[in-house]
All heavy atoms as atom14 arrays in JSON, in Angstrom:
{
  "sequence": "RILRSYAVGWFRQAPGKERDFVATINWTGDTTYYADSVKGRFT",
  "atom14_mask": [
    [1, 1, 1, 1, 1, 1, 1, 1, 1, 1, 1, 0, 0, 0],
    [1, 1, 1, 1, 1, 1, 1, 1, 0, 0, 0, 0, 0, 0],
    [1, 1, 1, 1, 1, 1, 1, 1, 0, 0, 0, 0, 0, 0],
    [1, 1, 1, 1, 1, 1, 1, 1, 1, 1, 1, 0, 0, 0],
    [1, 1, 1, 1, 1, 1, 0, 0, 0, 0, 0, 0, 0, 0],
    [1, 1, 1, 1, 1, 1, 1, 1, 1, 1, 1, 1, 0, 0],
    [1, 1, 1, 1, 1, 0, 0, 0, 0, 0, 0, 0, 0, 0],
    [1, 1, 1, 1, 1, 1, 1, 0, 0, 0, 0, 0, 0, 0],
    [1, 1, 1, 1, 0, 0, 0, 0, 0, 0, 0, 0, 0, 0],
    [1, 1, 1, 1, 1, 1, 1, 1, 1, 1, 1, 1, 1, 1],
    [1, 1, 1, 1, 1, 1, 1, 1, 1, 1, 1, 0, 0, 0],
    [1, 1, 1, 1, 1, 1, 1, 1, 1, 1, 1, 0, 0, 0],
    [1, 1, 1, 1, 1, 1, 1, 1, 1, 0, 0, 0, 0, 0],
    [1, 1, 1, 1, 1, 0, 0, 0, 0, 0, 0, 0, 0, 0],
    [1, 1, 1, 1, 1, 1, 1, 0, 0, 0, 0, 0, 0, 0],
    [1, 1, 1, 1, 0, 0, 0, 0, 0, 0, 0, 0, 0, 0],
    [1, 1, 1, 1, 1, 1, 1, 1, 1, 0, 0, 0, 0, 0],
    [1, 1, 1, 1, 1, 1, 1, 1, 1, 0, 0, 0, 0, 0],
    [1, 1, 1, 1, 1, 1, 1, 1, 1, 1, 1, 0, 0, 0],
    [1, 1, 1, 1, 1, 1, 1, 1, 0, 0, 0, 0, 0, 0],
    [1, 1, 1, 1, 1, 1, 1, 1, 1, 1, 1, 0, 0, 0],
    [1, 1, 1, 1, 1, 1, 1, 0, 0, 0, 0, 0, 0, 0],
    [1, 1, 1, 1, 1, 0, 0, 0, 0, 0, 0, 0, 0, 0],
    [1, 1, 1, 1, 1, 1, 1, 0, 0, 0, 0, 0, 0, 0],
    [1, 1, 1, 1, 1, 1, 1, 1, 0, 0, 0, 0, 0, 0],
    [1, 1, 1, 1, 1, 1, 1, 1, 0, 0, 0, 0, 0, 0],
    [1, 1, 1, 1, 1, 1, 1, 1, 1, 1, 1, 1, 1, 1],
    [1, 1, 1, 1, 1, 1, 1, 0, 0, 0, 0, 0, 0, 0],
    [1, 1, 1, 1, 0, 0, 0, 0, 0, 0, 0, 0, 0, 0],
    [1, 1, 1, 1, 1, 1, 1, 1, 0, 0, 0, 0, 0, 0],
    [1, 1, 1, 1, 1, 1, 1, 0, 0, 0, 0, 0, 0, 0],
    [1, 1, 1, 1, 1, 1, 1, 0, 0, 0, 0, 0, 0, 0],
    [1, 1, 1, 1, 1, 1, 1, 1, 1, 1, 1, 1, 0, 0],
    [1, 1, 1, 1, 1, 1, 1, 1, 1, 1, 1, 1, 0, 0],
    [1, 1, 1, 1, 1, 0, 0, 0, 0, 0, 0, 0, 0, 0],
    [1, 1, 1, 1, 1, 1, 1, 1, 0, 0, 0, 0, 0, 0],
    [1, 1, 1, 1, 1, 1, 0, 0, 0, 0, 0, 0, 0, 0],
    [1, 1, 1, 1, 1, 1, 1, 0, 0, 0, 0, 0, 0, 0],
    [1, 1, 1, 1, 1, 1, 1, 1, 1, 0, 0, 0, 0, 0],
    [1, 1, 1, 1, 0, 0, 0, 0, 0, 0, 0, 0, 0, 0],
    [1, 1, 1, 1, 1, 1, 1, 1, 1, 1, 1, 0, 0, 0],
    [1, 1, 1, 1, 1, 1, 1, 1, 1, 1, 1, 0, 0, 0],
    [1, 1, 1, 1, 1, 1, 1, 0, 0, 0, 0, 0, 0, 0]
  ],
  "atom14_positions": [
    [[10.02, -120.4, -85.85], [9.76, -119.16, -86.57], [8.33, -118.78, -86.68], [7.93, -117.76, -87.15], [10.37, -119.24, -88.05], [11.89, -119.3, -88.03], [12.43, -119.35, -89.43], [12.36, -118.14, -90.04], [12.65, -117.99, -91.38], [13.06, -118.92, -92.15], [12.51, -116.78, -91.94], [0.0, 0.0, 0.0], [0.0, 0.0, 0.0], [0.0, 0.0, 0.0]],
    [[7.48, -119.74, -86.23], [5.96, -119.58, -86.28], [5.51, -118.31, -85.42], [4.43, -117.83, -85.54], [5.34, -120.83, -85.73], [3.83, -120.81, -86.09], [5.56, -121.03, -84.32], [3.48, -120.84, -87.6], [0.0, 0.0, 0.0], [0.0, 0.0, 0.0], [0.0, 0.0, 0.0], [0.0, 0.0, 0.0], [0.0, 0.0, 0.0], [0.0, 0.0, 0.0]],
    [[6.46, -117.8, -84.5], [5.97, -116.73, -83.68], [5.58, -115.57, -84.49], [4.7, -114.81, -84.1], [7.24, -116.36, -82.81], [6.95, -115.14, -81.84], [5.83, -115.47, -80.88], [8.23, -114.77, -81.1], [0.0, 0.0, 0.0], [0.0, 0.0, 0.0], [0.0, 0.0, 0.0], [0.0, 0.0, 0.0], [0.0, 0.0, 0.0], [0.0, 0.0, 0.0]],
    [[6.06, -115.41, -85.69], [5.84, -114.2, -86.57], [4.38, -114.25, -87.03], [3.87, -113.28, -87.49], [6.8, -114.09, -87.74], [6.69, -115.32, -88.75], [7.71, -115.21, -89.82], [9.06, -115.24, -89.39], [10.09, -115.09, -89.94], [9.98, -114.76, -91.31], [11.34, -115.21, -89.49], [0.0, 0.0, 0.0], [0.0, 0.0, 0.0], [0.0, 0.0, 0.0]],
    [[3.72, -115.4, -86.9], [2.33, -115.56, -87.28], [1.39, -115.25, -86.27], [0.21, -115.14, -86.56], [2.14, -116.98, -87.91], [2.87, -117.37, -88.91], [0.0, 0.0, 0.0], [0.0, 0.0, 0.0], [0.0, 0.0, 0.0], [0.0, 0.0, 0.0], [0.0, 0.0, 0.0], [0.0, 0.0, 0.0], [0.0, 0.0, 0.0], [0.0, 0.0, 0.0]],
    [[1.89, -114.92, -85.17], [0.89, -114.68, -83.92], [1.12, -113.28, -83.4], [2.23, -112.76, -83.43], [1.14, -115.66, -82.9], [0.75, -117.11, -83.31], [1.91, -117.99, -83.68], [-0.49, -117.65, -83.19], [1.6, -119.26, -84.01], [-0.72, -118.94, -83.49], [0.21, -119.76, -83.97], [-0.02, -121.07, -84.34], [0.0, 0.0, 0.0], [0.0, 0.0, 0.0]],
    [[0.13, -112.8, -82.75], [0.18, -111.68, -81.81], [0.7, -112.27, -80.54], [0.5, -113.5, -80.25], [-1.08, -110.97, -81.59], [0.0, 0.0, 0.0], [0.0, 0.0, 0.0], [0.0, 0.0, 0.0], [0.0, 0.0, 0.0], [0.0, 0.0, 0.0], [0.0, 0.0, 0.0], [0.0, 0.0, 0.0], [0.0, 0.0, 0.0], [0.0, 0.0, 0.0]],
    [[1.53, -111.49, -79.78], [2.02, -111.97, -78.54], [1.57, -110.99, -77.51], [1.72, -109.77, -77.65], [3.69, -112.04, -78.5], [4.17, -112.3, -77.17], [4.0, -113.19, -79.58], [0.0, 0.0, 0.0], [0.0, 0.0, 0.0], [0.0, 0.0, 0.0], [0.0, 0.0, 0.0], [0.0, 0.0, 0.0], [0.0, 0.0, 0.0], [0.0, 0.0, 0.0]],
    [[1.13, -111.53, -76.35], [0.66, -110.72, -75.2], [1.51, -111.03, -73.87], [1.99, -112.05, -73.84], [0.0, 0.0, 0.0], [0.0, 0.0, 0.0], [0.0, 0.0, 0.0], [0.0, 0.0, 0.0], [0.0, 0.0, 0.0], [0.0, 0.0, 0.0], [0.0, 0.0, 0.0], [0.0, 0.0, 0.0], [0.0, 0.0, 0.0], [0.0, 0.0, 0.0]],
    [[1.67, -110.09, -73.08], [2.28, -110.23, -71.78], [1.15, -110.0, -70.79], [0.29, -109.22, -70.89], [3.38, -109.16, -71.49], [4.61, -109.49, -72.13], [5.18, -109.06, -73.4], [5.66, -110.41, -71.66], [6.38, -109.52, -73.64], [6.69, -110.38, -72.7], [5.77, -111.19, -70.5], [7.93, -111.1, -72.52], [6.96, -111.94, -70.39], [7.96, -111.84, -71.33]],
    [[1.11, -110.95, -69.84], [0.2, -110.94, -68.67], [0.94, -111.09, -67.4], [2.13, -111.52, -67.42], [-0.93, -112.03, -68.82], [-1.7, -111.91, -70.06], [-1.27, -112.24, -71.4], [-3.07, -111.45, -70.01], [-1.97, -112.15, -72.47], [-3.83, -111.3, -71.12], [-3.36, -111.63, -72.3], [0.0, 0.0, 0.0], [0.0, 0.0, 0.0], [0.0, 0.0, 0.0]],
    [[0.34, -110.74, -66.31], [0.95, -110.9, -65.02], [-0.05, -111.37, -64.03], [-1.16, -110.98, -64.1], [1.75, -109.65, -64.6], [0.7, -108.47, -64.37], [1.66, -107.17, -64.07], [0.88, -106.13, -63.74], [1.4, -104.85, -63.59], [2.66, -104.58, -63.74], [0.56, -103.83, -63.33], [0.0, 0.0, 0.0], [0.0, 0.0, 0.0], [0.0, 0.0, 0.0]],
    [[0.49, -112.0, -63.03], [-0.51, -112.44, -61.98], [0.22, -112.41, -60.64], [1.25, -113.03, -60.39], [-0.88, -114.01, -62.21], [-1.94, -114.48, -61.26], [-2.62, -115.82, -61.65], [-1.94, -116.46, -62.44], [-3.77, -116.19, -61.07], [0.0, 0.0, 0.0], [0.0, 0.0, 0.0], [0.0, 0.0, 0.0], [0.0, 0.0, 0.0], [0.0, 0.0, 0.0]],
    [[-0.33, -111.59, -59.77], [0.17, -111.43, -58.47], [-0.64, -112.38, -57.5], [-1.58, -112.84, -57.7], [-0.06, -109.91, -57.95], [0.0, 0.0, 0.0], [0.0, 0.0, 0.0], [0.0, 0.0, 0.0], [0.0, 0.0, 0.0], [0.0, 0.0, 0.0], [0.0, 0.0, 0.0], [0.0, 0.0, 0.0], [0.0, 0.0, 0.0], [0.0, 0.0, 0.0]],
    [[0.0, -112.65, -56.34], [-0.61, -113.63, -55.4], [-1.97, -113.2, -55.06], [-2.24, -112.12, -54.66], [0.36, -113.61, -54.13], [1.66, -113.27, -54.78], [1.28, -112.28, -55.87], [0.0, 0.0, 0.0], [0.0, 0.0, 0.0], [0.0, 0.0, 0.0], [0.0, 0.0, 0.0], [0.0, 0.0, 0.0], [0.0, 0.0, 0.0], [0.0, 0.0, 0.0]],
    [[-2.84, -114.24, -55.06], [-4.27, -113.96, -54.76], [-5.16, -113.1, -55.73], [-6.16, -112.73, -55.4], [0.0, 0.0, 0.0], [0.0, 0.0, 0.0], [0.0, 0.0, 0.0], [0.0, 0.0, 0.0], [0.0, 0.0, 0.0], [0.0, 0.0, 0.0], [0.0, 0.0, 0.0], [0.0, 0.0, 0.0], [0.0, 0.0, 0.0], [0.0, 0.0, 0.0]],
    [[-4.45, -112.77, -56.86], [-5.15, -111.96, -57.8], [-5.32, -112.68, -59.13], [-4.7, -113.74, -59.4], [-4.44, -110.61, -57.99], [-4.41, -109.71, -56.79], [-3.71, -108.48, -57.15], [-3.69, -107.6, -55.88], [-3.02, -106.3, -56.23], [0.0, 0.0, 0.0], [0.0, 0.0, 0.0], [0.0, 0.0, 0.0], [0.0, 0.0, 0.0], [0.0, 0.0, 0.0]],
    [[-6.12, -111.99, -60.07], [-6.43, -112.69, -61.35], [-5.2, -112.39, -62.2], [-4.33, -111.54, -62.06], [-7.69, -112.05, -61.94], [-8.84, -112.34, -61.3], [-10.17, -111.79, -61.94], [-10.02, -110.93, -62.78], [-11.29, -112.13, -61.53], [0.0, 0.0, 0.0], [0.0, 0.0, 0.0], [0.0, 0.0, 0.0], [0.0, 0.0, 0.0], [0.0, 0.0, 0.0]],
    [[-5.11, -113.14, -63.37], [-4.11, -112.9, -64.3], [-4.52, -111.69, -65.18], [-5.61, -111.73, -65.81], [-3.84, -114.06, -65.17], [-2.77, -114.05, -66.25], [-2.48, -115.28, -66.89], [-2.0, -116.29, -65.93], [-1.63, -117.48, -66.34], [-1.54, -117.87, -67.63], [-1.22, -118.37, -65.34], [0.0, 0.0, 0.0], [0.0, 0.0, 0.0], [0.0, 0.0, 0.0]],
    [[-3.72, -110.66, -65.23], [-4.09, -109.36, -65.86], [-3.32, -109.15, -67.09], [-2.21, -109.43, -67.14], [-3.95, -108.29, -64.83], [-4.97, -108.22, -63.68], [-6.03, -108.74, -63.81], [-4.52, -107.73, -62.63], [0.0, 0.0, 0.0], [0.0, 0.0, 0.0], [0.0, 0.0, 0.0], [0.0, 0.0, 0.0], [0.0, 0.0, 0.0], [0.0, 0.0, 0.0]],
    [[-3.98, -108.51, -67.99], [-3.31, -107.93, -69.23], [-2.24, -106.96, -68.97], [-2.56, -106.07, -68.26], [-4.36, -107.62, -70.2], [-3.8, -106.8, -71.42], [-3.22, -107.43, -72.49], [-3.89, -105.36, -71.48], [-2.74, -106.74, -73.59], [-3.37, -104.73, -72.47], [-2.78, -105.47, -73.61], [0.0, 0.0, 0.0], [0.0, 0.0, 0.0], [0.0, 0.0, 0.0]],
    [[-1.23, -107.0, -69.67], [-0.08, -105.94, -69.54], [0.02, -105.32, -70.87], [0.02, -104.04, -70.95], [1.09, -106.65, -69.06], [2.25, -105.55, -69.05], [1.0, -107.25, -67.68], [0.0, 0.0, 0.0], [0.0, 0.0, 0.0], [0.0, 0.0, 0.0], [0.0, 0.0, 0.0], [0.0, 0.0, 0.0], [0.0, 0.0, 0.0], [0.0, 0.0, 0.0]],
    [[0.37, -106.0, -71.96], [0.69, -105.43, -73.26], [0.49, -106.52, -74.27], [0.66, -107.69, -73.92], [2.07, -104.81, -73.28], [0.0, 0.0, 0.0], [0.0, 0.0, 0.0], [0.0, 0.0, 0.0], [0.0, 0.0, 0.0], [0.0, 0.0, 0.0], [0.0, 0.0, 0.0], [0.0, 0.0, 0.0], [0.0, 0.0, 0.0], [0.0, 0.0, 0.0]],
    [[0.36, -106.03, -75.52], [0.25, -106.94, -76.7], [0.84, -106.25, -77.86], [0.78, -105.05, -78.04], [-1.07, -107.5, -76.86], [-1.06, -108.59, -77.93], [-2.01, -106.42, -77.43], [0.0, 0.0, 0.0], [0.0, 0.0, 0.0], [0.0, 0.0, 0.0], [0.0, 0.0, 0.0], [0.0, 0.0, 0.0], [0.0, 0.0, 0.0], [0.0, 0.0, 0.0]],
    [[1.38, -107.15, -78.85], [1.97, -106.64, -80.05], [1.44, -107.5, -81.18], [1.32, -108.75, -80.99], [3.47, -106.54, -79.94], [4.06, -105.83, -81.2], [4.12, -107.93, -79.74], [5.58, -105.44, -80.95], [0.0, 0.0, 0.0], [0.0, 0.0, 0.0], [0.0, 0.0, 0.0], [0.0, 0.0, 0.0], [0.0, 0.0, 0.0], [0.0, 0.0, 0.0]],
    [[1.21, -107.04, -82.38], [0.72, -107.64, -83.55], [1.88, -108.41, -84.27], [3.05, -108.27, -83.94], [-0.11, -106.82, -84.4], [0.69, -105.86, -85.18], [1.85, -105.54, -84.93], [0.11, -105.37, -86.31], [0.0, 0.0, 0.0], [0.0, 0.0, 0.0], [0.0, 0.0, 0.0], [0.0, 0.0, 0.0], [0.0, 0.0, 0.0], [0.0, 0.0, 0.0]],
    [[1.49, -109.13, -85.26], [2.38, -109.9, -86.05], [3.55, -109.17, -86.77], [4.61, -109.71, -86.99], [1.7, -110.88, -86.92], [0.85, -110.17, -87.84], [1.04, -109.74, -89.14], [-0.59, -109.89, -87.6], [-0.05, -109.16, -89.59], [-1.07, -109.21, -88.74], [-1.41, -110.09, -86.47], [-2.46, -108.74, -88.76], [-2.62, -109.47, -86.58], [-3.2, -108.9, -87.67]],
    [[3.2, -108.03, -87.09], [4.23, -107.15, -87.81], [5.03, -106.19, -86.91], [5.96, -105.57, -87.27], [3.56, -106.31, -88.91], [2.47, -105.46, -88.27], [2.89, -107.16, -89.91], [0.0, 0.0, 0.0], [0.0, 0.0, 0.0], [0.0, 0.0, 0.0], [0.0, 0.0, 0.0], [0.0, 0.0, 0.0], [0.0, 0.0, 0.0], [0.0, 0.0, 0.0]],
    [[4.55, -106.14, -85.61], [5.3, -105.29, -84.7], [4.82, -103.78, -84.74], [5.61, -103.07, -84.06], [0.0, 0.0, 0.0], [0.0, 0.0, 0.0], [0.0, 0.0, 0.0], [0.0, 0.0, 0.0], [0.0, 0.0, 0.0], [0.0, 0.0, 0.0], [0.0, 0.0, 0.0], [0.0, 0.0, 0.0], [0.0, 0.0, 0.0], [0.0, 0.0, 0.0]],
    [[3.93, -103.48, -85.52], [3.6, -101.97, -85.73], [2.42, -101.53, -84.94], [2.06, -100.37, -85.01], [3.36, -101.68, -87.19], [2.28, -102.49, -87.8], [1.77, -103.48, -87.17], [1.82, -102.09, -88.91], [0.0, 0.0, 0.0], [0.0, 0.0, 0.0], [0.0, 0.0, 0.0], [0.0, 0.0, 0.0], [0.0, 0.0, 0.0], [0.0, 0.0, 0.0]],
    [[1.77, -102.45, -84.22], [0.56, -102.02, -83.43], [0.72, -102.69, -82.02], [1.1, -103.95, -81.9], [-0.72, -102.57, -84.0], [-0.86, -102.08, -85.38], [-1.91, -102.25, -83.18], [0.0, 0.0, 0.0], [0.0, 0.0, 0.0], [0.0, 0.0, 0.0], [0.0, 0.0, 0.0], [0.0, 0.0, 0.0], [0.0, 0.0, 0.0], [0.0, 0.0, 0.0]],
    [[0.64, -101.87, -80.96], [0.69, -102.23, -79.67], [-0.27, -101.83, -78.69], [-0.96, -100.63, -79.09], [2.03, -101.8, -79.0], [2.21, -100.43, -78.96], [3.14, -102.48, -79.79], [0.0, 0.0, 0.0], [0.0, 0.0, 0.0], [0.0, 0.0, 0.0], [0.0, 0.0, 0.0], [0.0, 0.0, 0.0], [0.0, 0.0, 0.0], [0.0, 0.0, 0.0]],
    [[-0.67, -102.31, -77.64], [-1.71, -101.95, -76.74], [-1.14, -102.21, -75.34], [-0.44, -103.15, -75.13], [-3.12, -102.59, -76.82], [-3.67, -102.19, -78.22], [-3.74, -103.14, -79.27], [-4.36, -101.05, -78.34], [-4.31, -102.86, -80.44], [-5.07, -100.67, -79.55], [-5.0, -101.72, -80.65], [-5.66, -101.33, -81.76], [0.0, 0.0, 0.0], [0.0, 0.0, 0.0]],
    [[-1.44, -101.27, -74.46], [-0.87, -101.43, -73.04], [-2.09, -101.21, -72.01], [-3.02, -100.53, -72.24], [0.1, -100.33, -72.78], [1.31, -100.48, -73.65], [1.37, -99.79, -74.81], [2.4, -101.22, -73.17], [2.54, -99.95, -75.56], [3.49, -101.26, -73.91], [3.59, -100.66, -75.14], [4.82, -100.71, -75.94], [0.0, 0.0, 0.0], [0.0, 0.0, 0.0]],
    [[-1.87, -101.92, -70.86], [-2.77, -101.64, -69.83], [-2.52, -100.3, -69.28], [-1.39, -99.83, -69.29], [-2.6, -102.69, -68.72], [0.0, 0.0, 0.0], [0.0, 0.0, 0.0], [0.0, 0.0, 0.0], [0.0, 0.0, 0.0], [0.0, 0.0, 0.0], [0.0, 0.0, 0.0], [0.0, 0.0, 0.0], [0.0, 0.0, 0.0], [0.0, 0.0, 0.0]],
    [[-3.58, -99.57, -68.73], [-3.42, -98.23, -68.27], [-2.33, -98.15, -67.07], [-1.53, -97.17, -67.06], [-4.71, -97.68, -67.74], [-5.62, -97.31, -68.78], [-5.28, -97.3, -69.98], [-6.95, -97.28, -68.5], [0.0, 0.0, 0.0], [0.0, 0.0, 0.0], [0.0, 0.0, 0.0], [0.0, 0.0, 0.0], [0.0, 0.0, 0.0], [0.0, 0.0, 0.0]],
    [[-2.18, -99.22, -66.39], [-1.32, -99.13, -65.31], [0.17, -99.22, -65.59], [1.03, -98.88, -64.81], [-1.5, -100.37, -64.33], [-1.41, -101.61, -65.01], [0.0, 0.0, 0.0], [0.0, 0.0, 0.0], [0.0, 0.0, 0.0], [0.0, 0.0, 0.0], [0.0, 0.0, 0.0], [0.0, 0.0, 0.0], [0.0, 0.0, 0.0], [0.0, 0.0, 0.0]],
    [[0.44, -99.54, -66.92], [1.92, -99.66, -67.39], [2.24, -98.59, -68.44], [3.35, -98.59, -68.83], [2.31, -100.99, -67.75], [1.9, -102.04, -66.67], [1.54, -101.38, -69.1], [0.0, 0.0, 0.0], [0.0, 0.0, 0.0], [0.0, 0.0, 0.0], [0.0, 0.0, 0.0], [0.0, 0.0, 0.0], [0.0, 0.0, 0.0], [0.0, 0.0, 0.0]],
    [[1.15, -97.86, -68.95], [1.47, -96.98, -70.01], [2.56, -95.92, -69.59], [2.57, -95.4, -68.52], [0.23, -96.24, -70.52], [-0.81, -97.12, -71.19], [-2.0, -96.37, -71.59], [-2.97, -97.19, -72.36], [-4.29, -96.44, -72.69], [0.0, 0.0, 0.0], [0.0, 0.0, 0.0], [0.0, 0.0, 0.0], [0.0, 0.0, 0.0], [0.0, 0.0, 0.0]],
    [[3.55, -95.72, -70.5], [4.49, -94.8, -70.26], [5.77, -95.36, -69.48], [6.77, -94.68, -69.43], [0.0, 0.0, 0.0], [0.0, 0.0, 0.0], [0.0, 0.0, 0.0], [0.0, 0.0, 0.0], [0.0, 0.0, 0.0], [0.0, 0.0, 0.0], [0.0, 0.0, 0.0], [0.0, 0.0, 0.0], [0.0, 0.0, 0.0], [0.0, 0.0, 0.0]],
    [[5.62, -96.54, -68.97], [6.64, -97.18, -68.26], [7.2, -98.47, -68.94], [8.36, -98.81, -68.89], [6.21, -97.52, -66.72], [5.79, -96.33, -65.97], [5.44, -96.72, -64.56], [4.45, -97.62, -64.38], [4.56, -98.96, -63.89], [5.77, -99.38, -63.39], [3.52, -99.64, -63.87], [0.0, 0.0, 0.0], [0.0, 0.0, 0.0], [0.0, 0.0, 0.0]],
    [[6.25, -99.25, -69.57], [6.64, -100.47, -70.11], [6.48, -100.32, -71.69], [5.69, -99.52, -72.15], [5.62, -101.53, -69.69], [5.73, -102.01, -68.31], [6.4, -101.31, -67.37], [5.02, -103.19, -67.87], [6.54, -101.7, -66.09], [5.09, -103.59, -66.59], [5.83, -102.91, -65.73], [0.0, 0.0, 0.0], [0.0, 0.0, 0.0], [0.0, 0.0, 0.0]],
    [[7.4, -101.09, -72.3], [7.41, -101.09, -73.85], [7.52, -102.44, -74.4], [8.45, -103.19, -74.0], [8.6, -100.15, -74.41], [8.47, -98.89, -73.92], [8.62, -100.17, -75.86], [0.0, 0.0, 0.0], [0.0, 0.0, 0.0], [0.0, 0.0, 0.0], [0.0, 0.0, 0.0], [0.0, 0.0, 0.0], [0.0, 0.0, 0.0], [0.0, 0.0, 0.0]]
  ]
}
């Protein structure tokens, strides 16, 4: 249940590329941020 104490982020890494930020959500679930490349498509 410790997950509720942390923000959680999603990252992705394609072959030969850096690990890039995708999205993150805070501990209460009321604040989110997205990479420009996924806005409007990912939740």
